[in-house]
């Protein structure tokens, strides 16, 4: 399968499983910034030090950004869900759960189709594979082969990622938007590694 047909297949698969928008972009179009780690340290989401796939346990930000650059392509997909109003926290949580279900379904589908074992799956927020991360009880990760870090954990500037993929970061009043990605392809060129 050539790159164009692979990109079309990945995009169509994400959309068929429930993504609102999906696109494949070169890794050179992905902007990263180590300062996102500082945002994680503020622990607004409550996952800092409480989720194996979140900082500080996910790894050094420089190492993670360098790992991201070893890929050539990224399938970016988003879900946009309506909310009752801007205070609809329950609606945000339900939309996040649906987004996570899509992420798991897409991974399962791609793996069943023979996706490369080294594909990297990144999601929104901390890993939600388990109802309660084993990190909270100081136990090892229960599913290290399936656990998923967030785009931000890898230093991805998601608002710029949205623009690079031709998507909106904010999709209107009373909506919530979540992003996820699948990274694939041979190791990037020197040019891509410095993009």
N, C-alpha and C. Protein backbone atom coordinates (compact mmCIF):
# COMPACT_ATOMS: atom_id res chain seq x y z
N UNK A 1 0.85 -1.17 0.00
CA UNK A 1 0.00 0.00 0.00
C UNK A 1 0.90 1.24 0.00
N UNK A 2 0.70 2.15 -0.96
CA UNK A 2 1.52 3.35 -0.99
C UNK A 2 1.04 4.35 0.06
N UNK A 3 1.82 5.41 0.26
CA UNK A 3 1.51 6.35 1.34
C UNK A 3 0.15 7.02 1.16
N UNK A 4 -0.22 7.38 -0.08
CA UNK A 4 -1.52 8.03 -0.30
C UNK A 4 -2.67 7.10 0.05
N UNK A 5 -2.58 5.84 -0.38
CA UNK A 5 -3.68 4.92 -0.08
C UNK A 5 -3.69 4.56 1.41
N UNK A 6 -2.52 4.47 2.04
CA UNK A 6 -2.46 4.21 3.47
C UNK A 6 -3.08 5.38 4.24
N UNK A 7 -2.73 6.60 3.86
CA UNK A 7 -3.29 7.78 4.52
C UNK A 7 -4.80 7.81 4.37
N UNK A 8 -5.30 7.52 3.17
CA UNK A 8 -6.74 7.51 2.94
C UNK A 8 -7.41 6.42 3.79
N UNK A 9 -6.79 5.25 3.86
CA UNK A 9 -7.35 4.15 4.65
C UNK A 9 -7.41 4.52 6.13
N UNK A 10 -6.33 5.08 6.67
CA UNK A 10 -6.31 5.45 8.08
C UNK A 10 -7.36 6.50 8.39
N UNK A 11 -7.46 7.50 7.53
CA UNK A 11 -8.44 8.57 7.72
C UNK A 11 -9.86 8.00 7.67
N UNK A 12 -10.14 7.20 6.66
CA UNK A 12 -11.48 6.61 6.52
C UNK A 12 -11.82 5.71 7.70
N UNK A 13 -10.85 4.95 8.19
CA UNK A 13 -11.09 4.06 9.33
C UNK A 13 -11.43 4.87 10.57
N UNK A 14 -10.67 5.93 10.85
CA UNK A 14 -10.95 6.77 12.02
C UNK A 14 -12.34 7.38 11.93
N UNK A 15 -12.70 7.88 10.75
CA UNK A 15 -14.02 8.49 10.56
C UNK A 15 -15.13 7.46 10.71
N UNK A 16 -14.93 6.27 10.16
CA UNK A 16 -15.94 5.21 10.25
C UNK A 16 -16.18 4.78 11.69
N UNK A 17 -15.16 4.87 12.52
CA UNK A 17 -15.29 4.46 13.92
C UNK A 17 -15.84 5.57 14.81
N UNK A 18 -16.01 6.78 14.25
CA UNK A 18 -16.65 7.83 15.04
C UNK A 18 -15.90 9.13 15.19
N UNK A 19 -14.73 9.26 14.58
CA UNK A 19 -14.02 10.54 14.64
C UNK A 19 -14.81 11.58 13.86
N UNK A 20 -14.77 12.81 14.35
CA UNK A 20 -15.44 13.92 13.65
C UNK A 20 -14.62 14.33 12.43
N UNK A 21 -13.31 14.43 12.60
CA UNK A 21 -12.37 14.76 11.53
C UNK A 21 -11.13 13.92 11.71
N UNK A 22 -10.43 13.67 10.60
CA UNK A 22 -9.17 12.91 10.65
C UNK A 22 -8.32 13.31 9.46
N UNK A 23 -7.00 13.31 9.66
CA UNK A 23 -6.07 13.65 8.58
C UNK A 23 -4.70 13.07 8.91
N UNK A 24 -3.95 12.74 7.87
CA UNK A 24 -2.56 12.29 8.04
C UNK A 24 -1.66 13.45 7.64
N UNK A 25 -0.70 13.77 8.52
CA UNK A 25 0.25 14.85 8.26
C UNK A 25 1.67 14.34 8.48
N UNK A 26 2.65 14.97 7.85
CA UNK A 26 4.04 14.57 8.10
C UNK A 26 4.47 15.01 9.50
N UNK A 27 5.32 14.24 10.12
CA UNK A 27 5.78 14.56 11.46
C UNK A 27 6.50 15.91 11.49
N UNK A 28 7.05 16.32 10.36
CA UNK A 28 7.73 17.62 10.30
C UNK A 28 6.77 18.78 10.54
N UNK A 29 5.45 18.54 10.38
CA UNK A 29 4.44 19.59 10.61
C UNK A 29 4.00 19.68 12.07
N UNK A 30 4.50 18.77 12.90
CA UNK A 30 4.09 18.71 14.30
C UNK A 30 5.03 19.56 15.16
N UNK A 31 4.46 20.52 15.85
CA UNK A 31 5.26 21.38 16.74
C UNK A 31 5.25 20.82 18.15
N UNK A 32 6.43 20.79 18.75
CA UNK A 32 6.54 20.36 20.14
C UNK A 32 7.17 21.48 20.96
N UNK A 33 6.93 21.43 22.25
CA UNK A 33 7.43 22.46 23.15
C UNK A 33 7.60 21.85 24.54
N UNK A 34 8.82 21.88 25.05
CA UNK A 34 9.11 21.29 26.36
C UNK A 34 8.38 22.00 27.49
N UNK A 35 7.90 23.22 27.26
CA UNK A 35 7.22 23.95 28.33
C UNK A 35 5.88 23.32 28.71
N UNK A 36 5.36 22.42 27.87
CA UNK A 36 4.13 21.74 28.24
C UNK A 36 4.32 20.91 29.52
N UNK A 37 5.53 20.50 29.79
CA UNK A 37 5.80 19.76 31.02
C UNK A 37 5.51 20.62 32.24
N UNK A 38 5.80 21.92 32.15
CA UNK A 38 5.52 22.84 33.25
C UNK A 38 4.01 22.89 33.50
N UNK A 39 3.22 22.88 32.44
CA UNK A 39 1.76 22.85 32.60
C UNK A 39 1.33 21.58 33.31
N UNK A 40 1.94 20.46 32.95
CA UNK A 40 1.61 19.19 33.62
C UNK A 40 1.95 19.26 35.11
N UNK A 41 3.06 19.88 35.43
CA UNK A 41 3.49 19.97 36.83
C UNK A 41 2.51 20.77 37.68
N UNK A 42 1.72 21.64 37.06
CA UNK A 42 0.70 22.39 37.80
C UNK A 42 -0.46 21.49 38.21
N UNK A 43 -0.56 20.32 37.60
CA UNK A 43 -1.50 19.27 37.96
C UNK A 43 -2.97 19.70 37.93
N UNK A 44 -3.32 20.48 36.94
CA UNK A 44 -4.71 20.91 36.80
C UNK A 44 -5.64 19.72 36.62
N UNK A 45 -5.20 18.71 35.89
CA UNK A 45 -6.06 17.54 35.63
C UNK A 45 -6.04 16.52 36.77
N UNK A 46 -5.10 16.63 37.68
CA UNK A 46 -5.03 15.71 38.81
C UNK A 46 -4.30 14.41 38.53
N UNK A 47 -3.66 14.28 37.36
CA UNK A 47 -2.97 13.04 37.00
C UNK A 47 -1.47 13.07 37.22
N UNK A 48 -0.91 14.22 37.55
CA UNK A 48 0.55 14.31 37.72
C UNK A 48 0.98 13.42 38.89
N UNK A 49 1.83 12.45 38.59
CA UNK A 49 2.30 11.52 39.61
C UNK A 49 1.25 10.50 40.03
N UNK A 50 0.12 10.46 39.31
CA UNK A 50 -0.95 9.54 39.68
C UNK A 50 -1.37 8.65 38.51
N UNK A 51 -0.64 8.74 37.39
CA UNK A 51 -0.95 7.95 36.21
C UNK A 51 0.38 7.59 35.54
N UNK A 52 0.59 6.31 35.29
CA UNK A 52 1.88 5.86 34.75
C UNK A 52 2.22 6.52 33.42
N UNK A 53 1.22 6.92 32.66
CA UNK A 53 1.47 7.49 31.34
C UNK A 53 1.51 9.02 31.35
N UNK A 54 1.47 9.60 32.53
CA UNK A 54 1.58 11.05 32.69
C UNK A 54 2.91 11.38 33.35
N UNK A 55 3.33 12.63 33.25
CA UNK A 55 4.54 13.06 33.96
C UNK A 55 4.33 12.90 35.47
N UNK A 56 5.37 12.69 36.22
CA UNK A 56 6.76 12.56 35.78
C UNK A 56 7.10 11.13 35.33
N UNK A 57 6.17 10.19 35.54
CA UNK A 57 6.46 8.78 35.28
C UNK A 57 6.57 8.41 33.81
N UNK A 58 5.97 9.22 32.92
CA UNK A 58 5.99 8.91 31.49
C UNK A 58 7.38 9.05 30.88
N UNK A 59 8.26 9.81 31.53
CA UNK A 59 9.61 9.96 31.02
C UNK A 59 10.00 11.41 30.80
N UNK A 60 11.24 11.60 30.52
CA UNK A 60 11.81 12.93 30.28
C UNK A 60 11.20 13.53 29.01
N UNK A 61 10.80 14.79 29.08
CA UNK A 61 10.14 15.45 27.95
C UNK A 61 11.04 15.49 26.71
N UNK A 62 12.32 15.73 26.89
CA UNK A 62 13.24 15.75 25.74
C UNK A 62 13.32 14.40 25.07
N UNK A 63 13.36 13.34 25.86
CA UNK A 63 13.42 11.98 25.33
C UNK A 63 12.14 11.65 24.57
N UNK A 64 11.00 12.05 25.13
CA UNK A 64 9.72 11.77 24.48
C UNK A 64 9.58 12.54 23.18
N UNK A 65 9.99 13.82 23.17
CA UNK A 65 9.91 14.61 21.94
C UNK A 65 10.84 14.02 20.88
N UNK A 66 12.00 13.53 21.29
CA UNK A 66 12.93 12.90 20.34
C UNK A 66 12.32 11.60 19.79
N UNK A 67 11.64 10.83 20.64
CA UNK A 67 10.99 9.59 20.17
C UNK A 67 9.93 9.92 19.12
N UNK A 68 9.15 10.96 19.36
CA UNK A 68 8.12 11.38 18.41
C UNK A 68 8.74 11.64 17.05
N UNK A 69 9.91 12.23 17.02
CA UNK A 69 10.58 12.58 15.76
C UNK A 69 11.15 11.38 15.01
N UNK A 70 11.11 10.19 15.61
CA UNK A 70 11.59 9.00 14.90
C UNK A 70 10.55 8.47 13.93
N UNK A 71 9.33 9.02 13.98
CA UNK A 71 8.26 8.62 13.06
C UNK A 71 8.19 9.59 11.89
N UNK A 72 7.59 9.14 10.79
CA UNK A 72 7.46 10.00 9.60
C UNK A 72 6.09 10.63 9.48
N UNK A 73 5.05 9.94 9.96
CA UNK A 73 3.67 10.37 9.72
C UNK A 73 2.85 10.30 10.99
N UNK A 74 1.81 11.13 11.03
CA UNK A 74 0.89 11.12 12.16
C UNK A 74 -0.54 11.19 11.65
N UNK A 75 -1.35 10.22 12.04
CA UNK A 75 -2.79 10.31 11.84
C UNK A 75 -3.34 11.11 13.01
N UNK A 76 -3.91 12.25 12.72
CA UNK A 76 -4.52 13.11 13.74
C UNK A 76 -6.02 12.96 13.60
N UNK A 77 -6.71 12.72 14.71
CA UNK A 77 -8.17 12.67 14.65
C UNK A 77 -8.76 13.33 15.87
N UNK A 78 -9.98 13.83 15.70
CA UNK A 78 -10.63 14.55 16.78
C UNK A 78 -12.09 14.11 16.89
N UNK A 79 -12.63 14.30 18.08
CA UNK A 79 -14.06 14.16 18.29
C UNK A 79 -14.57 15.50 18.82
N UNK A 80 -15.71 15.91 18.32
CA UNK A 80 -16.36 17.15 18.76
C UNK A 80 -17.73 16.75 19.29
N UNK A 81 -17.99 17.06 20.55
CA UNK A 81 -19.25 16.66 21.17
C UNK A 81 -19.99 17.87 21.73
N UNK A 82 -21.32 17.87 21.61
CA UNK A 82 -22.10 18.98 22.15
C UNK A 82 -22.19 18.89 23.68
N UNK A 83 -22.31 20.05 24.30
CA UNK A 83 -22.50 20.15 25.74
C UNK A 83 -23.77 20.94 26.01
N UNK A 84 -24.37 20.73 27.18
CA UNK A 84 -25.56 21.52 27.54
C UNK A 84 -25.19 22.99 27.70
N UNK A 85 -24.05 23.24 28.32
CA UNK A 85 -23.53 24.60 28.50
C UNK A 85 -22.06 24.49 28.87
N UNK A 86 -21.42 25.61 29.10
CA UNK A 86 -19.97 25.59 29.37
C UNK A 86 -19.63 25.00 30.74
N UNK A 87 -20.62 24.74 31.57
CA UNK A 87 -20.39 24.14 32.90
C UNK A 87 -20.77 22.67 32.95
N UNK A 88 -21.02 22.08 31.80
CA UNK A 88 -21.46 20.69 31.71
C UNK A 88 -20.28 19.73 31.87
N UNK A 89 -19.80 19.61 33.10
CA UNK A 89 -18.64 18.76 33.38
C UNK A 89 -18.98 17.30 33.11
N UNK A 90 -20.18 16.89 33.44
CA UNK A 90 -20.59 15.50 33.19
C UNK A 90 -20.56 15.21 31.69
N UNK A 91 -21.04 16.15 30.89
CA UNK A 91 -21.00 15.99 29.43
C UNK A 91 -19.58 15.91 28.91
N UNK A 92 -18.66 16.69 29.51
CA UNK A 92 -17.25 16.65 29.11
C UNK A 92 -16.66 15.29 29.42
N UNK A 93 -17.00 14.76 30.61
CA UNK A 93 -16.47 13.45 31.00
C UNK A 93 -17.02 12.34 30.08
N UNK A 94 -18.30 12.42 29.76
CA UNK A 94 -18.90 11.42 28.86
C UNK A 94 -18.27 11.51 27.48
N UNK A 95 -18.04 12.73 27.00
CA UNK A 95 -17.40 12.91 25.68
C UNK A 95 -15.98 12.37 25.71
N UNK A 96 -15.27 12.58 26.82
CA UNK A 96 -13.91 12.05 26.97
C UNK A 96 -13.91 10.53 26.97
N UNK A 97 -14.91 9.93 27.61
CA UNK A 97 -15.02 8.46 27.63
C UNK A 97 -15.28 7.92 26.22
N UNK A 98 -16.18 8.59 25.48
CA UNK A 98 -16.45 8.16 24.09
C UNK A 98 -15.20 8.31 23.23
N UNK A 99 -14.46 9.40 23.42
CA UNK A 99 -13.23 9.61 22.67
C UNK A 99 -12.25 8.48 22.97
N UNK A 100 -12.14 8.11 24.23
CA UNK A 100 -11.24 7.03 24.62
C UNK A 100 -11.68 5.71 24.01
N UNK A 101 -12.99 5.45 23.97
CA UNK A 101 -13.49 4.23 23.34
C UNK A 101 -13.13 4.19 21.86
N UNK A 102 -13.22 5.35 21.20
CA UNK A 102 -12.82 5.44 19.79
C UNK A 102 -11.34 5.12 19.64
N UNK A 103 -10.52 5.67 20.54
CA UNK A 103 -9.08 5.46 20.48
C UNK A 103 -8.75 3.96 20.60
N UNK A 104 -9.40 3.28 21.53
CA UNK A 104 -9.18 1.85 21.73
C UNK A 104 -9.67 1.06 20.52
N UNK A 105 -10.85 1.42 19.99
CA UNK A 105 -11.40 0.72 18.83
C UNK A 105 -10.50 0.89 17.61
N UNK A 106 -9.97 2.10 17.42
CA UNK A 106 -9.08 2.34 16.28
C UNK A 106 -7.80 1.53 16.42
N UNK A 107 -7.25 1.51 17.61
CA UNK A 107 -6.03 0.73 17.83
C UNK A 107 -6.29 -0.76 17.56
N UNK A 108 -7.40 -1.26 18.09
CA UNK A 108 -7.75 -2.68 17.88
C UNK A 108 -7.88 -2.98 16.39
N UNK A 109 -8.56 -2.10 15.66
CA UNK A 109 -8.76 -2.31 14.22
C UNK A 109 -7.43 -2.30 13.49
N UNK A 110 -6.59 -1.29 13.78
CA UNK A 110 -5.31 -1.19 13.08
C UNK A 110 -4.41 -2.37 13.40
N UNK A 111 -4.41 -2.80 14.65
CA UNK A 111 -3.59 -3.96 15.02
C UNK A 111 -4.11 -5.23 14.35
N UNK A 112 -5.42 -5.37 14.25
CA UNK A 112 -6.00 -6.54 13.58
C UNK A 112 -5.65 -6.55 12.09
N UNK A 113 -5.45 -5.36 11.53
CA UNK A 113 -5.08 -5.24 10.11
C UNK A 113 -3.57 -5.35 9.90
N UNK A 114 -2.82 -5.53 10.99
CA UNK A 114 -1.38 -5.70 10.86
C UNK A 114 -0.57 -4.43 11.00
N UNK A 115 -1.07 -3.47 11.78
CA UNK A 115 -0.30 -2.24 12.01
C UNK A 115 1.06 -2.59 12.60
N UNK A 116 2.08 -1.81 12.27
CA UNK A 116 3.41 -2.08 12.81
C UNK A 116 3.40 -2.08 14.34
N UNK A 117 4.15 -2.99 14.92
CA UNK A 117 4.20 -3.10 16.38
C UNK A 117 4.76 -1.83 17.01
N UNK A 118 5.56 -1.06 16.26
CA UNK A 118 6.17 0.13 16.84
C UNK A 118 5.34 1.40 16.63
N UNK A 119 4.09 1.27 16.12
CA UNK A 119 3.22 2.44 15.99
C UNK A 119 3.02 3.02 17.39
N UNK A 120 2.94 4.34 17.47
CA UNK A 120 2.77 5.02 18.75
C UNK A 120 1.39 5.64 18.79
N UNK A 121 0.62 5.30 19.81
CA UNK A 121 -0.74 5.80 19.98
C UNK A 121 -0.74 6.83 21.10
N UNK A 122 -1.22 8.04 20.80
CA UNK A 122 -1.29 9.12 21.79
C UNK A 122 -2.72 9.61 21.89
N UNK A 123 -3.14 9.93 23.10
CA UNK A 123 -4.52 10.33 23.31
C UNK A 123 -4.67 11.69 23.96
N UNK A 124 -5.81 11.87 24.59
CA UNK A 124 -6.14 13.13 25.27
C UNK A 124 -6.16 12.88 26.77
N UNK A 125 -5.43 13.69 27.51
CA UNK A 125 -5.38 13.51 28.96
C UNK A 125 -4.61 12.27 29.33
N UNK A 126 -4.72 11.87 30.55
CA UNK A 126 -4.00 10.68 31.01
C UNK A 126 -4.61 9.40 30.47
N UNK A 127 -3.87 8.33 30.54
CA UNK A 127 -4.36 7.02 30.10
C UNK A 127 -5.61 6.68 30.90
N UNK A 128 -6.62 6.19 30.19
CA UNK A 128 -7.89 5.84 30.83
C UNK A 128 -8.23 4.37 30.62
N UNK A 129 -7.22 3.58 30.31
CA UNK A 129 -7.47 2.17 30.03
C UNK A 129 -8.06 1.46 31.25
N UNK A 130 -7.54 1.78 32.43
CA UNK A 130 -8.05 1.20 33.67
C UNK A 130 -8.89 2.25 34.39
N UNK A 131 -9.91 1.80 35.12
CA UNK A 131 -10.74 2.77 35.87
C UNK A 131 -9.89 3.51 36.89
N UNK A 132 -8.95 2.81 37.50
CA UNK A 132 -8.06 3.43 38.48
C UNK A 132 -6.64 2.98 38.14
N UNK A 133 -5.80 3.93 37.75
CA UNK A 133 -4.43 3.59 37.37
C UNK A 133 -3.69 2.95 38.55
N UNK A 134 -2.92 1.92 38.25
CA UNK A 134 -2.15 1.22 39.28
C UNK A 134 -1.12 2.14 39.94
N UNK A 135 -0.78 3.24 39.30
CA UNK A 135 0.16 4.20 39.89
C UNK A 135 -0.35 4.74 41.21
N UNK A 136 -1.67 4.84 41.34
CA UNK A 136 -2.27 5.41 42.56
C UNK A 136 -2.07 4.51 43.78
N UNK A 137 -1.80 3.23 43.52
CA UNK A 137 -1.52 2.31 44.63
C UNK A 137 -0.09 1.78 44.56
N UNK A 138 0.75 2.48 43.80
CA UNK A 138 2.17 2.13 43.65
C UNK A 138 2.39 0.70 43.17
N UNK A 139 1.51 0.25 42.27
CA UNK A 139 1.68 -1.05 41.63
C UNK A 139 2.15 -0.82 40.20
N UNK A 140 2.77 -1.84 39.57
CA UNK A 140 3.18 -1.69 38.17
C UNK A 140 1.98 -1.52 37.25
N UNK A 141 2.21 -0.90 36.12
CA UNK A 141 1.16 -0.73 35.12
C UNK A 141 0.61 -2.10 34.74
N UNK A 142 -0.72 -2.22 34.71
CA UNK A 142 -1.36 -3.49 34.41
C UNK A 142 -1.32 -3.84 32.92
N UNK A 143 -1.21 -2.81 32.07
CA UNK A 143 -1.24 -3.02 30.62
C UNK A 143 -0.17 -2.18 29.93
N UNK A 144 1.11 -2.43 30.21
CA UNK A 144 2.15 -1.57 29.63
C UNK A 144 2.20 -1.60 28.10
N UNK A 145 1.68 -2.66 27.49
CA UNK A 145 1.68 -2.74 26.03
C UNK A 145 0.49 -2.00 25.42
N UNK A 146 -0.48 -1.56 26.23
CA UNK A 146 -1.68 -0.89 25.73
C UNK A 146 -1.87 0.51 26.33
N UNK A 147 -1.13 0.83 27.36
CA UNK A 147 -1.28 2.13 28.02
C UNK A 147 -0.94 3.25 27.03
N UNK A 148 -1.64 4.38 27.15
CA UNK A 148 -1.51 5.45 26.17
C UNK A 148 -1.23 6.79 26.85
N UNK A 149 -0.15 7.41 26.46
CA UNK A 149 0.17 8.76 26.95
C UNK A 149 -0.61 9.78 26.13
N UNK A 150 -0.64 11.00 26.64
CA UNK A 150 -1.32 12.07 25.90
C UNK A 150 -0.37 12.74 24.92
N UNK A 151 -0.96 13.45 23.98
CA UNK A 151 -0.17 14.26 23.05
C UNK A 151 0.68 15.26 23.82
N UNK A 152 0.09 15.88 24.85
CA UNK A 152 0.82 16.88 25.64
C UNK A 152 1.99 16.28 26.41
N UNK A 153 1.86 15.03 26.84
CA UNK A 153 2.96 14.37 27.54
C UNK A 153 4.20 14.32 26.66
N UNK A 154 3.98 14.19 25.34
CA UNK A 154 5.07 14.18 24.37
C UNK A 154 5.43 15.58 23.89
N UNK A 155 4.86 16.59 24.53
CA UNK A 155 5.20 17.98 24.21
C UNK A 155 4.51 18.52 22.98
N UNK A 156 3.49 17.83 22.46
CA UNK A 156 2.81 18.30 21.25
C UNK A 156 1.94 19.51 21.57
N UNK A 157 2.10 20.55 20.76
CA UNK A 157 1.25 21.74 20.85
C UNK A 157 -0.03 21.41 20.08
N UNK A 158 -1.06 21.05 20.80
CA UNK A 158 -2.28 20.53 20.16
C UNK A 158 -3.01 21.61 19.38
N UNK A 159 -3.00 22.85 19.82
CA UNK A 159 -3.69 23.89 19.05
C UNK A 159 -3.01 24.08 17.68
N UNK A 160 -1.69 24.00 17.66
CA UNK A 160 -0.98 24.09 16.37
C UNK A 160 -1.14 22.81 15.56
N UNK A 161 -1.24 21.68 16.24
CA UNK A 161 -1.47 20.41 15.56
C UNK A 161 -2.81 20.45 14.82
N UNK A 162 -3.82 20.99 15.48
CA UNK A 162 -5.14 21.12 14.85
C UNK A 162 -5.03 21.90 13.55
N UNK A 163 -4.35 23.03 13.60
CA UNK A 163 -4.19 23.85 12.39
C UNK A 163 -3.42 23.10 11.31
N UNK A 164 -2.36 22.40 11.69
CA UNK A 164 -1.55 21.65 10.72
C UNK A 164 -2.38 20.56 10.04
N UNK A 165 -3.36 20.02 10.77
CA UNK A 165 -4.20 18.95 10.22
C UNK A 165 -5.47 19.49 9.56
N UNK A 166 -5.60 20.81 9.49
CA UNK A 166 -6.78 21.41 8.87
C UNK A 166 -8.03 21.31 9.72
N UNK A 167 -7.86 21.28 11.04
CA UNK A 167 -8.99 21.16 11.95
C UNK A 167 -9.06 22.38 12.86
N UNK A 168 -10.21 22.57 13.48
CA UNK A 168 -10.37 23.64 14.47
C UNK A 168 -10.02 23.08 15.85
N UNK A 169 -9.33 23.89 16.63
CA UNK A 169 -9.01 23.50 18.01
C UNK A 169 -10.23 23.73 18.90
N UNK A 170 -10.93 24.81 18.66
CA UNK A 170 -12.17 25.14 19.37
C UNK A 170 -13.29 25.10 18.34
N UNK A 171 -14.33 24.36 18.63
CA UNK A 171 -15.38 24.13 17.64
C UNK A 171 -16.72 24.75 18.02
N UNK A 172 -16.68 25.88 18.68
CA UNK A 172 -17.90 26.61 18.97
C UNK A 172 -18.35 26.48 20.41
N UNK A 173 -19.25 27.38 20.74
CA UNK A 173 -19.80 27.41 22.09
C UNK A 173 -20.53 26.11 22.38
N UNK A 174 -20.45 25.68 23.64
CA UNK A 174 -21.14 24.47 24.12
C UNK A 174 -20.73 23.21 23.36
N UNK A 175 -19.42 23.12 23.07
CA UNK A 175 -18.85 21.88 22.52
C UNK A 175 -17.56 21.59 23.27
N UNK A 176 -17.15 20.34 23.23
CA UNK A 176 -15.85 19.96 23.75
C UNK A 176 -15.16 19.13 22.66
N UNK A 177 -13.87 19.40 22.46
CA UNK A 177 -13.11 18.76 21.40
C UNK A 177 -11.93 18.01 22.01
N UNK A 178 -11.76 16.77 21.61
CA UNK A 178 -10.62 15.96 22.05
C UNK A 178 -9.84 15.52 20.82
N UNK A 179 -8.52 15.42 21.00
CA UNK A 179 -7.62 14.99 19.92
C UNK A 179 -6.88 13.72 20.33
N UNK A 180 -6.50 12.95 19.33
CA UNK A 180 -5.64 11.78 19.52
C UNK A 180 -4.85 11.58 18.23
N UNK A 181 -3.89 10.67 18.27
CA UNK A 181 -3.04 10.46 17.10
C UNK A 181 -2.44 9.06 17.09
N UNK A 182 -2.07 8.65 15.89
CA UNK A 182 -1.30 7.43 15.69
C UNK A 182 -0.08 7.82 14.89
N UNK A 183 1.11 7.54 15.40
CA UNK A 183 2.35 7.83 14.70
C UNK A 183 2.87 6.55 14.09
N UNK A 184 3.33 6.66 12.84
CA UNK A 184 3.78 5.46 12.13
C UNK A 184 4.82 5.85 11.09
N UNK A 185 5.42 4.86 10.49
CA UNK A 185 6.38 5.09 9.42
C UNK A 185 7.81 4.89 9.86
N UNK A 186 8.67 4.77 8.87
CA UNK A 186 10.09 4.58 9.13
C UNK A 186 10.65 5.77 9.89
N UNK A 187 11.84 5.61 10.43
CA UNK A 187 12.49 6.71 11.13
C UNK A 187 12.57 7.91 10.20
N UNK A 188 12.29 9.09 10.76
CA UNK A 188 12.27 10.32 9.97
C UNK A 188 13.63 10.69 9.44
N UNK A 189 13.63 11.51 8.44
CA UNK A 189 14.88 12.02 7.88
C UNK A 189 15.47 13.05 8.83
N UNK A 190 16.69 13.44 8.58
CA UNK A 190 17.33 14.47 9.42
C UNK A 190 16.51 15.75 9.38
N UNK A 191 15.93 16.05 8.22
CA UNK A 191 15.13 17.27 8.10
C UNK A 191 13.89 17.18 8.97
N UNK A 192 13.24 16.01 8.97
CA UNK A 192 12.04 15.84 9.79
C UNK A 192 12.39 15.89 11.27
N UNK A 193 13.54 15.36 11.62
CA UNK A 193 13.94 15.34 13.03
C UNK A 193 14.17 16.74 13.58
N UNK A 194 14.42 17.70 12.71
CA UNK A 194 14.65 19.06 13.18
C UNK A 194 13.51 20.00 12.86
N UNK A 195 12.40 19.44 12.30
CA UNK A 195 11.25 20.24 11.90
C UNK A 195 10.58 20.79 13.06
